[in-house]
Amino acid sequence: MFLHYLISVVIIMHGLAHLSGTMAAFTARDVGFSDKPWLFSKGATLRGPSGKLFGLVWLAAAITLVDSGLSLLFHWGGWPALPIAGSILSLIAIVPWWNTVVPGAKAGPPSMD
């Protein structure tokens, strides 16, 4: 039973962490993201139009992951489809902006650049 609660809390925290991507795209507040362009071209930045579109994807990932954590915690419907959808949205949101995200958001060993 403890593992059930732990997994729920981790998924909810992951969802809440995605709010930083939304804030980086829509506000001037410094949330740790850099001003580097995304992976696909040199002109697109997180505060530009494409960045704002992905800010909405970050928001969708946040909502989906928080909802999936709550669904697991309170035994609502939607499990396991919600965490799978949230994980896919999470990847769609973060991969194009890999150069801009805060170092703590990247899993694995630190890069040498």
PDB file of N, CA and C in Angstrom:
ATOM      1  N   MET A   1       0.824  -1.195   0.000  1.00  0.00           N
ATOM      2  CA  MET A   1       0.000   0.000   0.000  1.00  0.00           C
ATOM      3  C   MET A   1       0.869   1.260   0.000  1.00  0.00           C
ATOM      4  N   PHE A   2       2.007   1.219   0.703  1.00  0.00           N
ATOM      5  CA  PHE A   2       2.902   2.380   0.736  1.00  0.00           C
ATOM      6  C   PHE A   2       3.402   2.713  -0.663  1.00  0.00           C
ATOM      7  N   LEU A   3       3.734   1.693  -1.459  1.00  0.00           N
ATOM      8  CA  LEU A   3       4.236   1.903  -2.809  1.00  0.00           C
ATOM      9  C   LEU A   3       3.176   2.582  -3.684  1.00  0.00           C
ATOM     10  N   HIS A   4       1.940   2.236  -3.464  1.00  0.00           N
ATOM     11  CA  HIS A   4       0.809   2.839  -4.175  1.00  0.00           C
ATOM     12  C   HIS A   4       0.796   4.358  -3.955  1.00  0.00           C
ATOM     13  N   TYR A   5       0.953   4.771  -2.711  1.00  0.00           N
ATOM     14  CA  TYR A   5       0.976   6.207  -2.396  1.00  0.00           C
ATOM     15  C   TYR A   5       2.232   6.875  -2.939  1.00  0.00           C
ATOM     16  N   LEU A   6       3.356   6.214  -2.833  1.00  0.00           N
ATOM     17  CA  LEU A   6       4.616   6.768  -3.308  1.00  0.00           C
ATOM     18  C   LEU A   6       4.579   7.015  -4.820  1.00  0.00           C
ATOM     19  N   ILE A   7       4.095   6.048  -5.571  1.00  0.00           N
ATOM     20  CA  ILE A   7       4.002   6.203  -7.028  1.00  0.00           C
ATOM     21  C   ILE A   7       3.047   7.341  -7.370  1.00  0.00           C
ATOM     22  N   SER A   8       1.934   7.425  -6.670  1.00  0.00           N
ATOM     23  CA  SER A   8       0.979   8.514  -6.910  1.00  0.00           C
ATOM     24  C   SER A   8       1.628   9.876  -6.694  1.00  0.00           C
ATOM     25  N   VAL A   9       2.345  10.027  -5.603  1.00  0.00           N
ATOM     26  CA  VAL A   9       2.986  11.305  -5.285  1.00  0.00           C
ATOM     27  C   VAL A   9       4.060  11.643  -6.316  1.00  0.00           C
ATOM     28  N   VAL A  10       4.836  10.673  -6.741  1.00  0.00           N
ATOM     29  CA  VAL A  10       5.882  10.919  -7.749  1.00  0.00           C
ATOM     30  C   VAL A  10       5.257  11.375  -9.067  1.00  0.00           C
ATOM     31  N   ILE A  11       4.181  10.739  -9.491  1.00  0.00           N
ATOM     32  CA  ILE A  11       3.522  11.126 -10.739  1.00  0.00           C
ATOM     33  C   ILE A  11       2.937  12.533 -10.616  1.00  0.00           C
ATOM     34  N   ILE A  12       2.318  12.847  -9.494  1.00  0.00           N
ATOM     35  CA  ILE A  12       1.759  14.192  -9.285  1.00  0.00           C
ATOM     36  C   ILE A  12       2.864  15.238  -9.294  1.00  0.00           C
ATOM     37  N   MET A  13       3.979  14.951  -8.633  1.00  0.00           N
ATOM     38  CA  MET A  13       5.102  15.896  -8.619  1.00  0.00           C
ATOM     39  C   MET A  13       5.682  16.086 -10.021  1.00  0.00           C
ATOM     40  N   HIS A  14       5.759  15.032 -10.796  1.00  0.00           N
ATOM     41  CA  HIS A  14       6.228  15.136 -12.176  1.00  0.00           C
ATOM     42  C   HIS A  14       5.306  16.060 -12.964  1.00  0.00           C
ATOM     43  N   GLY A  15       4.007  15.891 -12.774  1.00  0.00           N
ATOM     44  CA  GLY A  15       3.047  16.757 -13.453  1.00  0.00           C
ATOM     45  C   GLY A  15       3.205  18.210 -13.050  1.00  0.00           C
ATOM     46  N   LEU A  16       3.357  18.458 -11.763  1.00  0.00           N
ATOM     47  CA  LEU A  16       3.527  19.833 -11.292  1.00  0.00           C
ATOM     48  C   LEU A  16       4.818  20.454 -11.819  1.00  0.00           C
ATOM     49  N   ALA A  17       5.847  19.646 -11.994  1.00  0.00           N
ATOM     50  CA  ALA A  17       7.113  20.152 -12.530  1.00  0.00           C
ATOM     51  C   ALA A  17       6.949  20.654 -13.959  1.00  0.00           C
ATOM     52  N   HIS A  18       5.999  20.104 -14.693  1.00  0.00           N
ATOM     53  CA  HIS A  18       5.761  20.560 -16.059  1.00  0.00           C
ATOM     54  C   HIS A  18       5.206  21.978 -16.116  1.00  0.00           C
ATOM     55  N   LEU A  19       4.690  22.468 -15.031  1.00  0.00           N
ATOM     56  CA  LEU A  19       4.191  23.848 -15.018  1.00  0.00           C
ATOM     57  C   LEU A  19       5.319  24.848 -15.252  1.00  0.00           C
ATOM     58  N   SER A  20       6.554  24.463 -14.931  1.00  0.00           N
ATOM     59  CA  SER A  20       7.677  25.370 -15.180  1.00  0.00           C
ATOM     60  C   SER A  20       7.855  25.625 -16.669  1.00  0.00           C
ATOM     61  N   GLY A  21       7.612  24.641 -17.507  1.00  0.00           N
ATOM     62  CA  GLY A  21       7.696  24.830 -18.954  1.00  0.00           C
ATOM     63  C   GLY A  21       6.631  25.784 -19.459  1.00  0.00           C
ATOM     64  N   THR A  22       5.440  25.682 -18.891  1.00  0.00           N
ATOM     65  CA  THR A  22       4.372  26.606 -19.257  1.00  0.00           C
ATOM     66  C   THR A  22       4.722  28.015 -18.810  1.00  0.00           C
ATOM     67  N   MET A  23       5.237  28.139 -17.603  1.00  0.00           N
ATOM     68  CA  MET A  23       5.627  29.464 -17.104  1.00  0.00           C
ATOM     69  C   MET A  23       6.758  30.058 -17.932  1.00  0.00           C
ATOM     70  N   ALA A  24       7.723  29.243 -18.339  1.00  0.00           N
ATOM     71  CA  ALA A  24       8.845  29.732 -19.139  1.00  0.00           C
ATOM     72  C   ALA A  24       8.368  30.255 -20.484  1.00  0.00           C
ATOM     73  N   ALA A  25       7.343  29.634 -21.053  1.00  0.00           N
ATOM     74  CA  ALA A  25       6.850  30.033 -22.370  1.00  0.00           C
ATOM     75  C   ALA A  25       5.969  31.281 -22.304  1.00  0.00           C
ATOM     76  N   PHE A  26       5.225  31.459 -21.216  1.00  0.00           N
ATOM     77  CA  PHE A  26       4.219  32.516 -21.183  1.00  0.00           C
ATOM     78  C   PHE A  26       4.522  33.684 -20.252  1.00  0.00           C
ATOM     79  N   THR A  27       5.562  33.578 -19.446  1.00  0.00           N
ATOM     80  CA  THR A  27       5.868  34.680 -18.530  1.00  0.00           C
ATOM     81  C   THR A  27       7.334  35.081 -18.675  1.00  0.00           C
ATOM     82  N   ALA A  28       7.655  36.239 -18.138  1.00  0.00           N
ATOM     83  CA  ALA A  28       9.045  36.697 -18.133  1.00  0.00           C
ATOM     84  C   ALA A  28       9.774  36.222 -16.881  1.00  0.00           C
ATOM     85  N   ARG A  29       9.083  35.498 -16.042  1.00  0.00           N
ATOM     86  CA  ARG A  29       9.671  34.997 -14.790  1.00  0.00           C
ATOM     87  C   ARG A  29      10.781  33.985 -15.091  1.00  0.00           C
ATOM     88  N   ASP A  30      11.891  34.104 -14.387  1.00  0.00           N
ATOM     89  CA  ASP A  30      13.011  33.182 -14.567  1.00  0.00           C
ATOM     90  C   ASP A  30      12.739  31.896 -13.792  1.00  0.00           C
ATOM     91  N   VAL A  31      12.500  30.817 -14.530  1.00  0.00           N
ATOM     92  CA  VAL A  31      12.267  29.516 -13.906  1.00  0.00           C
ATOM     93  C   VAL A  31      13.396  28.543 -14.232  1.00  0.00           C
ATOM     94  N   GLY A  32      14.520  29.084 -14.718  1.00  0.00           N
ATOM     95  CA  GLY A  32      15.702  28.265 -14.944  1.00  0.00           C
ATOM     96  C   GLY A  32      15.932  27.831 -16.372  1.00  0.00           C
ATOM     97  N   PHE A  33      15.010  28.106 -17.268  1.00  0.00           N
ATOM     98  CA  PHE A  33      15.178  27.730 -18.672  1.00  0.00           C
ATOM     99  C   PHE A  33      16.116  28.723 -19.339  1.00  0.00           C
ATOM    100  N   SER A  34      16.895  28.241 -20.305  1.00  0.00           N
ATOM    101  CA  SER A  34      17.801  29.135 -21.020  1.00  0.00           C
ATOM    102  C   SER A  34      17.086  29.722 -22.234  1.00  0.00           C
ATOM    103  N   ASP A  35      17.721  30.691 -22.878  1.00  0.00           N
ATOM    104  CA  ASP A  35      17.153  31.324 -24.069  1.00  0.00           C
ATOM    105  C   ASP A  35      17.660  30.679 -25.357  1.00  0.00           C
ATOM    106  N   LYS A  36      18.251  29.497 -25.256  1.00  0.00           N
ATOM    107  CA  LYS A  36      18.747  28.800 -26.447  1.00  0.00           C
ATOM    108  C   LYS A  36      17.571  28.407 -27.335  1.00  0.00           C
ATOM    109  N   PRO A  37      17.806  28.303 -28.649  1.00  0.00           N
ATOM    110  CA  PRO A  37      16.727  27.867 -29.540  1.00  0.00           C
ATOM    111  C   PRO A  37      16.451  26.375 -29.385  1.00  0.00           C
ATOM    112  N   TRP A  38      15.344  25.956 -29.935  1.00  0.00           N
ATOM    113  CA  TRP A  38      15.002  24.541 -29.858  1.00  0.00           C
ATOM    114  C   TRP A  38      15.876  23.728 -30.788  1.00  0.00           C
ATOM    115  N   LEU A  39      15.720  22.429 -30.807  1.00  0.00           N
ATOM    116  CA  LEU A  39      16.616  21.536 -31.535  1.00  0.00           C
ATOM    117  C   LEU A  39      16.471  21.600 -33.056  1.00  0.00           C
ATOM    118  N   PHE A  40      15.331  22.069 -33.566  1.00  0.00           N
ATOM    119  CA  PHE A  40      15.055  21.945 -34.988  1.00  0.00           C
ATOM    120  C   PHE A  40      15.469  23.142 -35.835  1.00  0.00           C
ATOM    121  N   SER A  41      15.737  24.270 -35.222  1.00  0.00           N
ATOM    122  CA  SER A  41      16.197  25.438 -35.984  1.00  0.00           C
ATOM    123  C   SER A  41      16.828  26.429 -35.014  1.00  0.00           C
ATOM    124  N   LYS A  42      17.492  27.413 -35.563  1.00  0.00           N
ATOM    125  CA  LYS A  42      18.149  28.410 -34.714  1.00  0.00           C
ATOM    126  C   LYS A  42      17.222  29.561 -34.335  1.00  0.00           C
ATOM    127  N   GLY A  43      16.102  29.728 -35.041  1.00  0.00           N
ATOM    128  CA  GLY A  43      15.263  30.897 -34.833  1.00  0.00           C
ATOM    129  C   GLY A  43      14.164  30.751 -33.795  1.00  0.00           C
ATOM    130  N   ALA A  44      13.757  29.554 -33.473  1.00  0.00           N
ATOM    131  CA  ALA A  44      12.627  29.349 -32.573  1.00  0.00           C
ATOM    132  C   ALA A  44      13.095  29.303 -31.119  1.00  0.00           C
ATOM    133  N   THR A  45      12.538  30.176 -30.294  1.00  0.00           N
ATOM    134  CA  THR A  45      12.860  30.186 -28.873  1.00  0.00           C
ATOM    135  C   THR A  45      11.615  29.879 -28.061  1.00  0.00           C
ATOM    136  N   LEU A  46      11.815  29.606 -26.823  1.00  0.00           N
ATOM    137  CA  LEU A  46      10.711  29.210 -25.943  1.00  0.00           C
ATOM    138  C   LEU A  46       9.677  30.315 -25.771  1.00  0.00           C
ATOM    139  N   ARG A  47      10.080  31.571 -25.852  1.00  0.00           N
ATOM    140  CA  ARG A  47       9.131  32.672 -25.688  1.00  0.00           C
ATOM    141  C   ARG A  47       8.496  33.116 -27.005  1.00  0.00           C
ATOM    142  N   GLY A  48       8.882  32.465 -28.112  1.00  0.00           N
ATOM    143  CA  GLY A  48       8.304  32.761 -29.419  1.00  0.00           C
ATOM    144  C   GLY A  48       7.009  31.997 -29.629  1.00  0.00           C
ATOM    145  N   PRO A  49       6.401  32.137 -30.814  1.00  0.00           N
ATOM    146  CA  PRO A  49       5.124  31.466 -31.092  1.00  0.00           C
ATOM    147  C   PRO A  49       5.183  29.943 -30.953  1.00  0.00           C
ATOM    148  N   SER A  50       6.240  29.317 -31.481  1.00  0.00           N
ATOM    149  CA  SER A  50       6.319  27.855 -31.356  1.00  0.00           C
ATOM    150  C   SER A  50       6.550  27.452 -29.903  1.00  0.00           C
ATOM    151  N   GLY A  51       7.290  28.269 -29.156  1.00  0.00           N
ATOM    152  CA  GLY A  51       7.496  27.991 -27.744  1.00  0.00           C
ATOM    153  C   GLY A  51       6.205  28.072 -26.954  1.00  0.00           C
ATOM    154  N   LYS A  52       5.367  29.030 -27.308  1.00  0.00           N
ATOM    155  CA  LYS A  52       4.072  29.165 -26.628  1.00  0.00           C
ATOM    156  C   LYS A  52       3.170  27.968 -26.936  1.00  0.00           C
ATOM    157  N   LEU A  53       3.238  27.479 -28.173  1.00  0.00           N
ATOM    158  CA  LEU A  53       2.467  26.281 -28.525  1.00  0.00           C
ATOM    159  C   LEU A  53       2.921  25.098 -27.664  1.00  0.00           C
ATOM    160  N   PHE A  54       4.235  24.960 -27.535  1.00  0.00           N
ATOM    161  CA  PHE A  54       4.746  23.870 -26.698  1.00  0.00           C
ATOM    162  C   PHE A  54       4.489  24.133 -25.217  1.00  0.00           C
ATOM    163  N   GLY A  55       4.350  25.399 -24.829  1.00  0.00           N
ATOM    164  CA  GLY A  55       3.951  25.711 -23.459  1.00  0.00           C
ATOM    165  C   GLY A  55       2.587  25.121 -23.141  1.00  0.00           C
ATOM    166  N   LEU A  56       1.719  25.108 -24.149  1.00  0.00           N
ATOM    167  CA  LEU A  56       0.407  24.475 -23.968  1.00  0.00           C
ATOM    168  C   LEU A  56       0.532  22.962 -23.871  1.00  0.00           C
ATOM    169  N   VAL A  57       1.476  22.387 -24.603  1.00  0.00           N
ATOM    170  CA  VAL A  57       1.727  20.941 -24.488  1.00  0.00           C
ATOM    171  C   VAL A  57       2.253  20.625 -23.092  1.00  0.00           C
ATOM    172  N   TRP A  58       3.146  21.497 -22.567  1.00  0.00           N
ATOM    173  CA  TRP A  58       3.630  21.317 -21.200  1.00  0.00           C
ATOM    174  C   TRP A  58       2.466  21.365 -20.208  1.00  0.00           C
ATOM    175  N   LEU A  59       1.541  22.293 -20.442  1.00  0.00           N
ATOM    176  CA  LEU A  59       0.374  22.399 -19.563  1.00  0.00           C
ATOM    177  C   LEU A  59      -0.499  21.147 -19.665  1.00  0.00           C
ATOM    178  N   ALA A  60      -0.699  20.650 -20.884  1.00  0.00           N
ATOM    179  CA  ALA A  60      -1.487  19.421 -21.062  1.00  0.00           C
ATOM    180  C   ALA A  60      -0.819  18.238 -20.366  1.00  0.00           C
ATOM    181  N   ALA A  61       0.507  18.160 -20.452  1.00  0.00           N
ATOM    182  CA  ALA A  61       1.231  17.090 -19.759  1.00  0.00           C
ATOM    183  C   ALA A  61       1.056  17.225 -18.250  1.00  0.00           C
ATOM    184  N   ALA A  62       1.134  18.454 -17.757  1.00  0.00           N
ATOM    185  CA  ALA A  62       0.970  18.680 -16.316  1.00  0.00           C
ATOM    186  C   ALA A  62      -0.410  18.222 -15.852  1.00  0.00           C
ATOM    187  N   ILE A  63      -1.435  18.636 -16.556  1.00  0.00           N
ATOM    188  CA  ILE A  63      -2.808  18.276 -16.173  1.00  0.00           C
ATOM    189  C   ILE A  63      -3.004  16.768 -16.242  1.00  0.00           C
ATOM    190  N   THR A  64      -2.524  16.153 -17.318  1.00  0.00           N
ATOM    191  CA  THR A  64      -2.700  14.710 -17.497  1.00  0.00           C
ATOM    192  C   THR A  64      -1.957  13.917 -16.430  1.00  0.00           C
ATOM    193  N   LEU A  65      -0.734  14.324 -16.117  1.00  0.00           N
ATOM    194  CA  LEU A  65       0.031  13.587 -15.107  1.00  0.00           C
ATOM    195  C   LEU A  65      -0.536  13.777 -13.702  1.00  0.00           C
ATOM    196  N   VAL A  66      -0.937  14.991 -13.361  1.00  0.00           N
ATOM    197  CA  VAL A  66      -1.548  15.201 -12.045  1.00  0.00           C
ATOM    198  C   VAL A  66      -2.842  14.394 -11.948  1.00  0.00           C
ATOM    199  N   ASP A  67      -3.645  14.422 -13.013  1.00  0.00           N
ATOM    200  CA  ASP A  67      -4.882  13.647 -13.018  1.00  0.00           C
ATOM    201  C   ASP A  67      -4.607  12.150 -12.899  1.00  0.00           C
ATOM    202  N   SER A  68      -3.551  11.672 -13.566  1.00  0.00           N
ATOM    203  CA  SER A  68      -3.255  10.238 -13.473  1.00  0.00           C
ATOM    204  C   SER A  68      -2.772   9.855 -12.079  1.00  0.00           C
ATOM    205  N   GLY A  69      -1.983  10.723 -11.443  1.00  0.00           N
ATOM    206  CA  GLY A  69      -1.556  10.450 -10.071  1.00  0.00           C
ATOM    207  C   GLY A  69      -2.731  10.426  -9.114  1.00  0.00           C
ATOM    208  N   LEU A  70      -3.650  11.372  -9.293  1.00  0.00           N
ATOM    209  CA  LEU A  70      -4.848  11.393  -8.447  1.00  0.00           C
ATOM    210  C   LEU A  70      -5.743  10.191  -8.737  1.00  0.00           C
ATOM    211  N   SER A  71      -5.806   9.774 -10.009  1.00  0.00           N
ATOM    212  CA  SER A  71      -6.605   8.596 -10.363  1.00  0.00           C
ATOM    213  C   SER A  71      -6.072   7.342  -9.689  1.00  0.00           C
ATOM    214  N   LEU A  72      -4.756   7.223  -9.640  1.00  0.00           N
ATOM    215  CA  LEU A  72      -4.163   6.082  -8.947  1.00  0.00           C
ATOM    216  C   LEU A  72      -4.412   6.172  -7.444  1.00  0.00           C
ATOM    217  N   LEU A  73      -4.225   7.353  -6.897  1.00  0.00           N
ATOM    218  CA  LEU A  73      -4.369   7.549  -5.459  1.00  0.00           C
ATOM    219  C   LEU A  73      -5.787   7.265  -4.970  1.00  0.00           C
ATOM    220  N   PHE A  74      -6.771   7.757  -5.727  1.00  0.00           N
ATOM    221  CA  PHE A  74      -8.163   7.638  -5.292  1.00  0.00           C
ATOM    222  C   PHE A  74      -8.952   6.564  -6.037  1.00  0.00           C
ATOM    223  N   HIS A  75      -8.242   5.745  -6.837  1.00  0.00           N
ATOM    224  CA  HIS A  75      -8.860   4.627  -7.562  1.00  0.00           C
ATOM    225  C   HIS A  75      -9.962   5.087  -8.512  1.00  0.00           C
ATOM    226  N   TRP A  76      -9.708   6.208  -9.201  1.00  0.00           N
ATOM    227  CA  TRP A  76     -10.632   6.675 -10.229  1.00  0.00           C
ATOM    228  C   TRP A  76     -10.344   5.915 -11.510  1.00  0.00           C
ATOM    229  N   GLY A  77     -11.212   6.058 -12.490  1.00  0.00           N
ATOM    230  CA  GLY A  77     -10.983   5.432 -13.791  1.00  0.00           C
ATOM    231  C   GLY A  77      -9.845   6.125 -14.531  1.00  0.00           C
ATOM    232  N   GLY A  78      -9.389   5.496 -15.583  1.00  0.00           N
ATOM    233  CA  GLY A  78      -8.359   6.105 -16.402  1.00  0.00           C
ATOM    234  C   GLY A  78      -6.977   5.544 -16.191  1.00  0.00           C
ATOM    235  N   TRP A  79      -6.828   4.655 -15.261  1.00  0.00           N
ATOM    236  CA  TRP A  79      -5.527   4.050 -15.018  1.00  0.00           C
ATOM    237  C   TRP A  79      -5.459   2.768 -15.827  1.00  0.00           C
ATOM    238  N   PRO A  80      -4.473   2.475 -16.623  1.00  0.00           N
ATOM    239  CA  PRO A  80      -3.181   3.100 -16.857  1.00  0.00           C
ATOM    240  C   PRO A  80      -3.104   3.991 -18.089  1.00  0.00           C
ATOM    241  N   ALA A  81      -4.231   4.287 -18.734  1.00  0.00           N
ATOM    242  CA  ALA A  81      -4.195   5.104 -19.960  1.00  0.00           C
ATOM    243  C   ALA A  81      -3.687   6.529 -19.688  1.00  0.00           C
ATOM    244  N   LEU A  82      -4.084   7.120 -18.585  1.00  0.00           N
ATOM    245  CA  LEU A  82      -3.673   8.502 -18.287  1.00  0.00           C
ATOM    246  C   LEU A  82      -2.165   8.667 -18.119  1.00  0.00           C
ATOM    247  N   PRO A  83      -1.493   7.830 -17.338  1.00  0.00           N
ATOM    248  CA  PRO A  83      -0.043   8.031 -17.229  1.00  0.00           C
ATOM    249  C   PRO A  83       0.697   7.780 -18.541  1.00  0.00           C
ATOM    250  N   ILE A  84       0.183   6.903 -19.374  1.00  0.00           N
ATOM    251  CA  ILE A  84       0.806   6.688 -20.679  1.00  0.00           C
ATOM    252  C   ILE A  84       0.643   7.944 -21.535  1.00  0.00           C
ATOM    253  N   ALA A  85      -0.557   8.501 -21.560  1.00  0.00           N
ATOM    254  CA  ALA A  85      -0.799   9.737 -22.315  1.00  0.00           C
ATOM    255  C   ALA A  85       0.049  10.880 -21.755  1.00  0.00           C
ATOM    256  N   GLY A  86       0.128  10.971 -20.440  1.00  0.00           N
ATOM    257  CA  GLY A  86       0.943  12.014 -19.814  1.00  0.00           C
ATOM    258  C   GLY A  86       2.417  11.867 -20.136  1.00  0.00           C
ATOM    259  N   SER A  87       2.895  10.641 -20.191  1.00  0.00           N
ATOM    260  CA  SER A  87       4.299  10.395 -20.532  1.00  0.00           C
ATOM    261  C   SER A  87       4.594  10.781 -21.974  1.00  0.00           C
ATOM    262  N   ILE A  88       3.674  10.476 -22.861  1.00  0.00           N
ATOM    263  CA  ILE A  88       3.854  10.852 -24.266  1.00  0.00           C
ATOM    264  C   ILE A  88       3.855  12.366 -24.411  1.00  0.00           C
ATOM    265  N   LEU A  89       2.916  13.041 -23.764  1.00  0.00           N
ATOM    266  CA  LEU A  89       2.889  14.510 -23.798  1.00  0.00           C
ATOM    267  C   LEU A  89       4.160  15.091 -23.190  1.00  0.00           C
ATOM    268  N   SER A  90       4.646  14.482 -22.135  1.00  0.00           N
ATOM    269  CA  SER A  90       5.868  14.934 -21.487  1.00  0.00           C
ATOM    270  C   SER A  90       7.045  14.881 -22.457  1.00  0.00           C
ATOM    271  N   LEU A  91       7.169  13.784 -23.170  1.00  0.00           N
ATOM    272  CA  LEU A  91       8.255  13.647 -24.145  1.00  0.00           C
ATOM    273  C   LEU A  91       8.103  14.630 -25.301  1.00  0.00           C
ATOM    274  N   ILE A  92       6.879  14.800 -25.787  1.00  0.00           N
ATOM    275  CA  ILE A  92       6.641  15.757 -26.871  1.00  0.00           C
ATOM    276  C   ILE A  92       7.008  17.167 -26.429  1.00  0.00           C
ATOM    277  N   ALA A  93       6.741  17.487 -25.168  1.00  0.00           N
ATOM    278  CA  ALA A  93       7.031  18.826 -24.663  1.00  0.00           C
ATOM    279  C   ALA A  93       8.517  19.060 -24.460  1.00  0.00           C
ATOM    280  N   ILE A  94       9.232  18.083 -23.966  1.00  0.00           N
ATOM    281  CA  ILE A  94      10.614  18.333 -23.529  1.00  0.00           C
ATOM    282  C   ILE A  94      11.662  18.076 -24.611  1.00  0.00           C
ATOM    283  N   VAL A  95      11.470  17.108 -25.478  1.00  0.00           N
ATOM    284  CA  VAL A  95      12.535  16.751 -26.427  1.00  0.00           C
ATOM    285  C   VAL A  95      12.920  17.902 -27.358  1.00  0.00           C
ATOM    286  N   PRO A  96      11.975  18.608 -27.990  1.00  0.00           N
ATOM    287  CA  PRO A  96      12.402  19.700 -28.871  1.00  0.00           C
ATOM    288  C   PRO A  96      13.125  20.834 -28.146  1.00  0.00           C
ATOM    289  N   TRP A  97      12.908  20.970 -26.857  1.00  0.00           N
ATOM    290  CA  TRP A  97      13.481  22.062 -26.074  1.00  0.00           C
ATOM    291  C   TRP A  97      14.589  21.562 -25.152  1.00  0.00           C
ATOM    292  N   TRP A  98      15.223  20.456 -25.532  1.00  0.00           N
ATOM    293  CA  TRP A  98      16.238  19.824 -24.699  1.00  0.00           C
ATOM    294  C   TRP A  98      17.356  20.788 -24.312  1.00  0.00           C
ATOM    295  N   ASN A  99      17.725  21.702 -25.208  1.00  0.00           N
ATOM    296  CA  ASN A  99      18.798  22.661 -24.925  1.00  0.00           C
ATOM    297  C   ASN A  99      18.387  23.750 -23.940  1.00  0.00           C
ATOM    298  N   THR A 100      17.104  23.908 -23.718  1.00  0.00           N
ATOM    299  CA  THR A 100      16.637  25.028 -22.903  1.00  0.00           C
ATOM    300  C   THR A 100      16.204  24.628 -21.494  1.00  0.00           C
ATOM    301  N   VAL A 101      15.840  23.359 -21.304  1.00  0.00           N
ATOM    302  CA  VAL A 101      15.292  22.951 -20.002  1.00  0.00           C
ATOM    303  C   VAL A 101      16.349  23.019 -18.915  1.00  0.00           C
ATOM    304  N   VAL A 102      15.886  23.143 -17.690  1.00  0.00           N
ATOM    305  CA  VAL A 102      16.794  23.208 -16.550  1.00  0.00           C
ATOM    306  C   VAL A 102      17.542  21.885 -16.418  1.00  0.00           C
ATOM    307  N   PRO A 103      18.805  21.919 -16.006  1.00  0.00           N
ATOM    308  CA  PRO A 103      19.594  20.689 -15.920  1.00  0.00           C
ATOM    309  C   PRO A 103      18.949  19.603 -15.050  1.00  0.00           C
ATOM    310  N   GLY A 104      18.255  19.982 -14.022  1.00  0.00           N
ATOM    311  CA  GLY A 104      17.626  19.003 -13.145  1.00  0.00           C
ATOM    312  C   GLY A 104      16.490  18.235 -13.796  1.00  0.00           C
ATOM    313  N   ALA A 105      15.977  18.737 -14.920  1.00  0.00           N
ATOM    314  CA  ALA A 105      14.874  18.066 -15.603  1.00  0.00           C
ATOM    315  C   ALA A 105      15.348  16.956 -16.524  1.00  0.00           C
ATOM    316  N   LYS A 106      16.637  16.922 -16.793  1.00  0.00           N
ATOM    317  CA  LYS A 106      17.191  15.920 -17.699  1.00  0.00           C
ATOM    318  C   LYS A 106      17.587  14.676 -16.912  1.00  0.00           C
ATOM    319  N   ALA A 107      17.098  13.524 -17.344  1.00  0.00           N
ATOM    320  CA  ALA A 107      17.455  12.268 -16.693  1.00  0.00           C
ATOM    321  C   ALA A 107      18.772  11.772 -17.277  1.00  0.00           C
ATOM    322  N   GLY A 108      19.556  11.132 -16.476  1.00  0.00           N
ATOM    323  CA  GLY A 108      20.801  10.560 -16.950  1.00  0.00           C
ATOM    324  C   GLY A 108      21.994  11.415 -16.554  1.00  0.00           C
ATOM    325  N   PRO A 109      23.166  11.049 -17.068  1.00  0.00           N
ATOM    326  CA  PRO A 109      24.381  11.765 -16.680  1.00  0.00           C
ATOM    327  C   PRO A 109      24.409  13.177 -17.270  1.00  0.00           C
ATOM    328  N   PRO A 110      25.081  14.100 -16.615  1.00  0.00           N
ATOM    329  CA  PRO A 110      25.138  15.475 -17.126  1.00  0.00           C
ATOM    330  C   PRO A 110      25.919  15.533 -18.434  1.00  0.00           C
ATOM    331  N   SER A 111      25.513  16.464 -19.297  1.00  0.00           N
ATOM    332  CA  SER A 111      26.217  16.605 -20.574  1.00  0.00           C
ATOM    333  C   SER A 111      27.517  17.361 -20.353  1.00  0.00           C
ATOM    334  N   MET A 112      28.414  17.235 -21.292  1.00  0.00           N
ATOM    335  CA  MET A 112      29.733  17.851 -21.167  1.00  0.00           C
ATOM    336  C   MET A 112      29.839  19.157 -21.954  1.00  0.00           C
ATOM    337  N   ASP A 113      28.691  19.726 -22.415  1.00  0.00           N
ATOM    338  CA  ASP A 113      28.767  20.954 -23.200  1.00  0.00           C
ATOM    339  C   ASP A 113      28.735  22.204 -22.386  1.00  0.00           C
TER     340      ASP A 113
END
